[in-house]
Protein backbone atom coordinates (compact mmCIF):
# COMPACT_ATOMS: atom_id res chain seq x y z
CA MET A 1 0.00 0.00 0.00
CA SER A 2 2.85 2.41 0.85
CA TRP A 3 6.50 2.41 1.92
CA ILE A 4 5.68 4.60 4.93
CA LYS A 5 3.25 4.01 7.76
CA ILE A 6 -0.42 4.27 6.88
CA ILE A 7 -3.10 5.07 9.45
CA SER A 8 -6.25 3.26 8.38
CA PHE A 9 -9.76 4.66 8.59
CA ASN A 10 -10.52 2.43 11.58
CA GLU A 11 -7.33 3.47 13.40
CA ALA A 12 -7.74 7.20 12.80
CA GLU A 13 -8.81 9.56 15.57
CA GLY A 14 -9.61 13.24 16.02
CA LYS A 15 -8.85 15.59 13.15
CA LEU A 16 -7.53 12.80 10.93
CA LYS A 17 -10.72 10.77 11.37
CA LYS A 18 -12.79 13.81 10.41
CA LEU A 19 -10.66 14.37 7.32
CA TYR A 20 -10.95 10.73 6.30
CA GLN A 21 -14.73 10.95 6.72
CA LYS A 22 -14.75 13.83 4.23
CA VAL A 23 -13.06 11.75 1.50
CA THR A 24 -14.67 8.36 2.01
CA GLY A 25 -16.23 6.33 -0.74
CA PRO A 26 -18.40 3.22 -0.36
CA ASN A 27 -17.88 1.27 2.91
CA ASN A 28 -15.65 4.02 4.32
CA ASN A 29 -13.02 3.35 1.66
CA VAL A 30 -10.29 6.01 1.55
CA ASP A 31 -8.01 6.08 -1.50
CA ASN A 32 -4.41 5.20 -0.69
CA ILE A 33 -3.19 8.51 -2.09
CA MET A 34 -5.13 10.16 0.74
CA LEU A 35 -4.20 7.58 3.40
CA VAL A 36 -0.52 8.29 2.77
CA HIS A 37 -1.03 11.76 4.28
CA GLY A 38 -2.12 10.30 7.62
CA LEU A 39 1.05 11.19 9.52
CA ARG A 40 0.72 14.85 8.50
CA PRO A 41 -3.03 15.51 8.05
CA HIS A 42 -2.48 19.16 7.12
CA THR A 43 -0.85 17.99 3.89
CA MET A 44 -4.03 16.10 2.99
CA VAL A 45 -6.01 19.33 3.42
CA GLY A 46 -3.73 21.03 0.91
CA HIS A 47 -3.81 18.08 -1.48
CA MET A 48 -7.60 17.83 -1.50
CA ALA A 49 -8.11 21.57 -1.88
CA LEU A 50 -5.87 21.60 -4.93
CA TYR A 51 -7.36 18.42 -6.43
CA LYS A 52 -10.95 19.52 -5.88
CA ASN A 53 -10.51 22.99 -7.36
CA VAL A 54 -8.35 21.95 -10.30
CA LEU A 55 -10.48 19.00 -11.44
CA HIS A 56 -13.92 19.31 -9.87
CA ASN A 57 -14.84 22.97 -9.64
CA SER A 58 -18.01 24.13 -11.39
CA ASN A 59 -16.24 27.30 -12.61
CA ASN A 60 -14.05 25.25 -14.97
CA THR A 61 -15.27 25.40 -18.56
CA LEU A 62 -13.32 22.53 -20.11
CA PRO A 63 -15.19 19.20 -19.95
CA LYS A 64 -14.37 17.16 -16.87
CA TRP A 65 -13.59 14.10 -19.03
CA TYR A 66 -10.94 16.17 -20.84
CA LEU A 67 -9.37 17.32 -17.58
CA GLU A 68 -9.20 13.64 -16.58
CA THR A 69 -7.62 12.88 -19.98
CA ILE A 70 -4.88 15.42 -19.26
CA GLY A 71 -4.31 13.70 -15.91
CA VAL A 72 -4.06 10.29 -17.53
CA TYR A 73 -1.55 11.59 -20.07
CA VAL A 74 0.66 13.30 -17.51
CA SER A 75 0.58 10.12 -15.41
CA LEU A 76 1.51 7.98 -18.42
CA LEU A 77 4.44 10.31 -19.14
CA ASN A 78 5.57 9.92 -15.51
CA ASN A 79 4.99 6.14 -15.51
CA CYS A 80 2.58 6.51 -12.58
CA GLU A 81 0.37 3.45 -12.95
CA TYR A 82 -1.64 4.34 -9.84
CA CYS A 83 -2.90 7.64 -11.26
CA VAL A 84 -3.28 6.25 -14.79
CA GLU A 85 -5.63 3.50 -13.65
CA HIS A 86 -7.61 5.64 -11.22
CA HIS A 87 -8.17 8.47 -13.65
CA PHE A 88 -8.65 6.38 -16.78
CA THR A 89 -11.46 4.59 -14.95
CA GLY A 90 -12.88 8.02 -14.08
CA LEU A 91 -12.48 9.14 -17.70
CA GLN A 92 -14.42 6.07 -18.91
CA ARG A 93 -17.22 6.77 -16.43
CA LEU A 94 -17.47 10.44 -17.39
CA LEU A 95 -17.46 9.75 -21.14
CA GLY A 96 -19.93 6.87 -20.91
CA ASP A 97 -18.36 5.49 -24.08
CA ALA A 98 -15.81 2.69 -23.58
CA THR A 99 -14.82 2.60 -27.25
CA LYS A 100 -14.04 6.32 -27.33
CA ALA A 101 -12.19 6.11 -24.02
CA ASN A 102 -10.01 3.28 -25.34
CA GLN A 103 -9.27 5.27 -28.51
CA ILE A 104 -8.18 8.19 -26.37
CA ARG A 105 -5.95 5.94 -24.27
CA LYS A 106 -4.34 4.49 -27.40
CA GLY A 107 -3.66 8.02 -28.64
CA LEU A 108 -2.06 8.95 -25.33
CA GLU A 109 0.05 5.80 -25.14
CA THR A 110 1.40 6.41 -28.67
CA HIS A 111 1.82 10.18 -28.11
CA LYS A 112 -0.68 10.79 -30.92
CA PRO A 113 -3.75 12.28 -29.21
CA GLU A 114 -4.98 13.55 -32.57
CA ILE A 115 -6.12 10.02 -33.52
CA ALA A 116 -8.98 10.37 -31.05
CA LEU A 117 -9.32 14.09 -30.29
CA ASP A 118 -9.82 17.28 -32.26
CA GLU A 119 -7.14 19.94 -32.79
CA LYS A 120 -8.12 22.00 -29.76
CA PHE A 121 -7.86 19.12 -27.31
CA SER A 122 -4.79 17.64 -29.02
CA GLN A 123 -2.91 20.93 -28.69
CA GLY A 124 -3.75 21.02 -25.00
CA LEU A 125 -2.21 17.58 -24.57
CA LYS A 126 0.92 18.54 -26.50
CA TYR A 127 1.34 21.46 -24.10
CA ALA A 128 0.81 19.06 -21.19
CA GLU A 129 3.54 16.78 -22.55
CA LYS A 130 6.08 19.56 -22.91
CA LEU A 131 5.24 21.08 -19.51
CA THR A 132 5.70 17.65 -17.89
CA LEU A 133 8.87 16.50 -19.64
CA THR A 134 10.73 19.74 -20.40
CA PRO A 135 9.08 22.55 -18.42
CA SER A 136 11.99 24.98 -18.76
CA GLU A 137 11.58 24.84 -22.55
CA ILE A 138 8.03 26.22 -22.53
CA VAL A 139 7.93 29.52 -24.44
CA LYS A 140 5.27 32.08 -25.31
CA ALA A 141 4.74 30.40 -28.69
CA ASP A 142 3.48 27.27 -26.92
CA VAL A 143 0.70 29.29 -25.30
CA GLU A 144 -0.01 31.08 -28.57
CA LYS A 145 -0.59 27.70 -30.26
CA LEU A 146 -3.24 26.96 -27.66
CA GLN A 147 -4.89 30.33 -28.25
CA GLN A 148 -4.84 29.78 -32.01
CA SER A 149 -6.52 26.38 -31.60
CA GLY A 150 -9.48 28.02 -29.85
CA ILE A 151 -8.55 27.56 -26.20
CA THR A 152 -9.34 30.61 -24.10
CA ASP A 153 -6.82 32.03 -21.66
CA GLY A 154 -8.94 30.81 -18.75
CA GLU A 155 -8.92 27.31 -20.22
CA ILE A 156 -5.14 27.51 -20.71
CA LEU A 157 -4.92 28.19 -16.99
CA GLU A 158 -7.15 25.16 -16.32
CA ILE A 159 -4.86 22.93 -18.42
CA ASN A 160 -1.75 24.34 -16.75
CA GLN A 161 -3.15 23.66 -13.30
CA VAL A 162 -4.25 20.10 -14.10
CA VAL A 163 -0.79 19.34 -15.49
CA SER A 164 0.84 20.85 -12.41
CA TYR A 165 -1.46 18.97 -10.02
CA PHE A 166 -0.82 15.60 -11.64
CA ASN A 167 2.92 16.08 -11.60
CA TYR A 168 2.56 16.70 -7.85
CA ALA A 169 0.24 13.71 -7.35
CA ASN A 170 2.46 11.41 -9.43
CA ARG A 171 5.49 12.32 -7.36
CA THR A 172 3.55 11.79 -4.14
CA VAL A 173 2.59 8.29 -5.28
CA LEU A 174 5.89 7.28 -6.87
CA GLY A 175 8.03 8.74 -4.11
CA LEU A 176 6.16 6.89 -1.34
CA GLY A 177 5.39 3.61 -3.10
CA VAL A 178 1.62 4.03 -3.05
CA SER A 179 -0.25 1.14 -4.69
CA THR A 180 -3.87 0.60 -5.70
CA SER A 181 -4.24 -2.33 -3.28
CA GLY A 182 -7.63 -2.01 -1.62
CA ASP A 183 -8.66 1.06 -3.62
CA ILE A 184 -11.90 1.41 -5.56
CA LEU A 185 -10.79 2.79 -8.92
CA GLY A 186 -12.35 5.78 -10.63
CA LEU A 187 -14.23 7.45 -7.77
CA SER A 188 -14.33 11.25 -7.64
CA PRO A 189 -16.04 13.97 -5.60
CA ASN A 190 -19.76 13.90 -6.32
CA SER A 191 -20.26 17.61 -5.68
CA SER A 192 -18.61 20.75 -7.03
CA GLU A 193 -18.95 22.49 -3.64
CA ASP A 194 -15.47 23.40 -2.38
CA ASP A 195 -15.86 21.76 1.01
CA ASN A 196 -17.54 18.55 -0.17
CA TRP A 197 -14.80 15.98 -0.75
CA ASN A 198 -16.96 12.86 -0.56
CA HIS A 199 -16.09 10.29 -3.25
CA GLN A 200 -18.70 8.25 -5.09
């Protein structure tokens, strides 16, 4: 489950128990990426606030399935199987089209998102790739390509923040040996309210 000590839902007390209760899924399941914060609960507060606002805020205008697609691609680039499987399952659920989801995954795995997505969404993923692999090489022209493909500046910010979040999440998982053992894949917050973290 992790290379460091995990405090389970049943073992948790006080503030940690209350935080776990906020992120539970069915049968009080807490994803391992959240459990790994148990020794420093304040870091889970920061993690969930970032995750919730970047991916599940009603003020975002890009489709939620596309934001999940960005997360899957960043996680593939970082070889983070945990996040790939969690968020690909979420992507499938949000799309409601297994064939389309599998086409998207094939495009991501071959670094050819254009085989499944239009120019606008493909350009966003190319930006995500460069920002993940060679961030210091990002230049103004990369943002201008996004603008020219029809992505608004607010949406560029959304993409940037999803890419940044997943690089953080991937390094949390990979750096602490977090596995999917015991997790229920593909759950996400069922409300866009900032303080509702419950997973369904």
